């Protein structure tokens, strides 16, 4: 097998789009004054995108477990280990970042909704805890962005330097 199943390719690019939009929405939000309508709407969009990432992550995990995966393009053990570590890190961060977002809302005293349905309170409002969770959420998100840059650079390296067709395996 040389290419990923179509559903996995579609989920890959959909999640890339959702994550990119979540990142842009939270960064653009900063240009608007606190308390403004646009700032609040961009925060709501960011939260909704985080919820969508979480939902599609579950679907992505199910499809990954349901379909045979293409073989890794290397026989060098450290490279195979690195690829597996990067993939595991992606999945772990796509799970943990939305969860820390949920905790951030609750620690800030906000009702956490999941597509309009109220979630049970896991964390009581706590201003100091909110600051810590915010730092963790941002740290993990920034690490995730760096991992994406590494992933894209590796894809281009394989495609343009090694010319091993690995880039084509995830093409729509």
Foldseek 3Di string as FASTA:
>chain_A
DQADPPVLLVLVVVLVVLLVLLVVLQVVLVVDDPPDPSNVVSVVSNLLSLLVLQVSLVVNVVSPVVDDDDDDPDPDVVVVVVVVVLVVLLSVLSNVLSVLVQVLCQLCVHFDDRVNHTDDRPDHHHPVVSVVSVVVNVVSSVVNVVSVVVVVVVLCCCCPPVVPCNVVNSDD
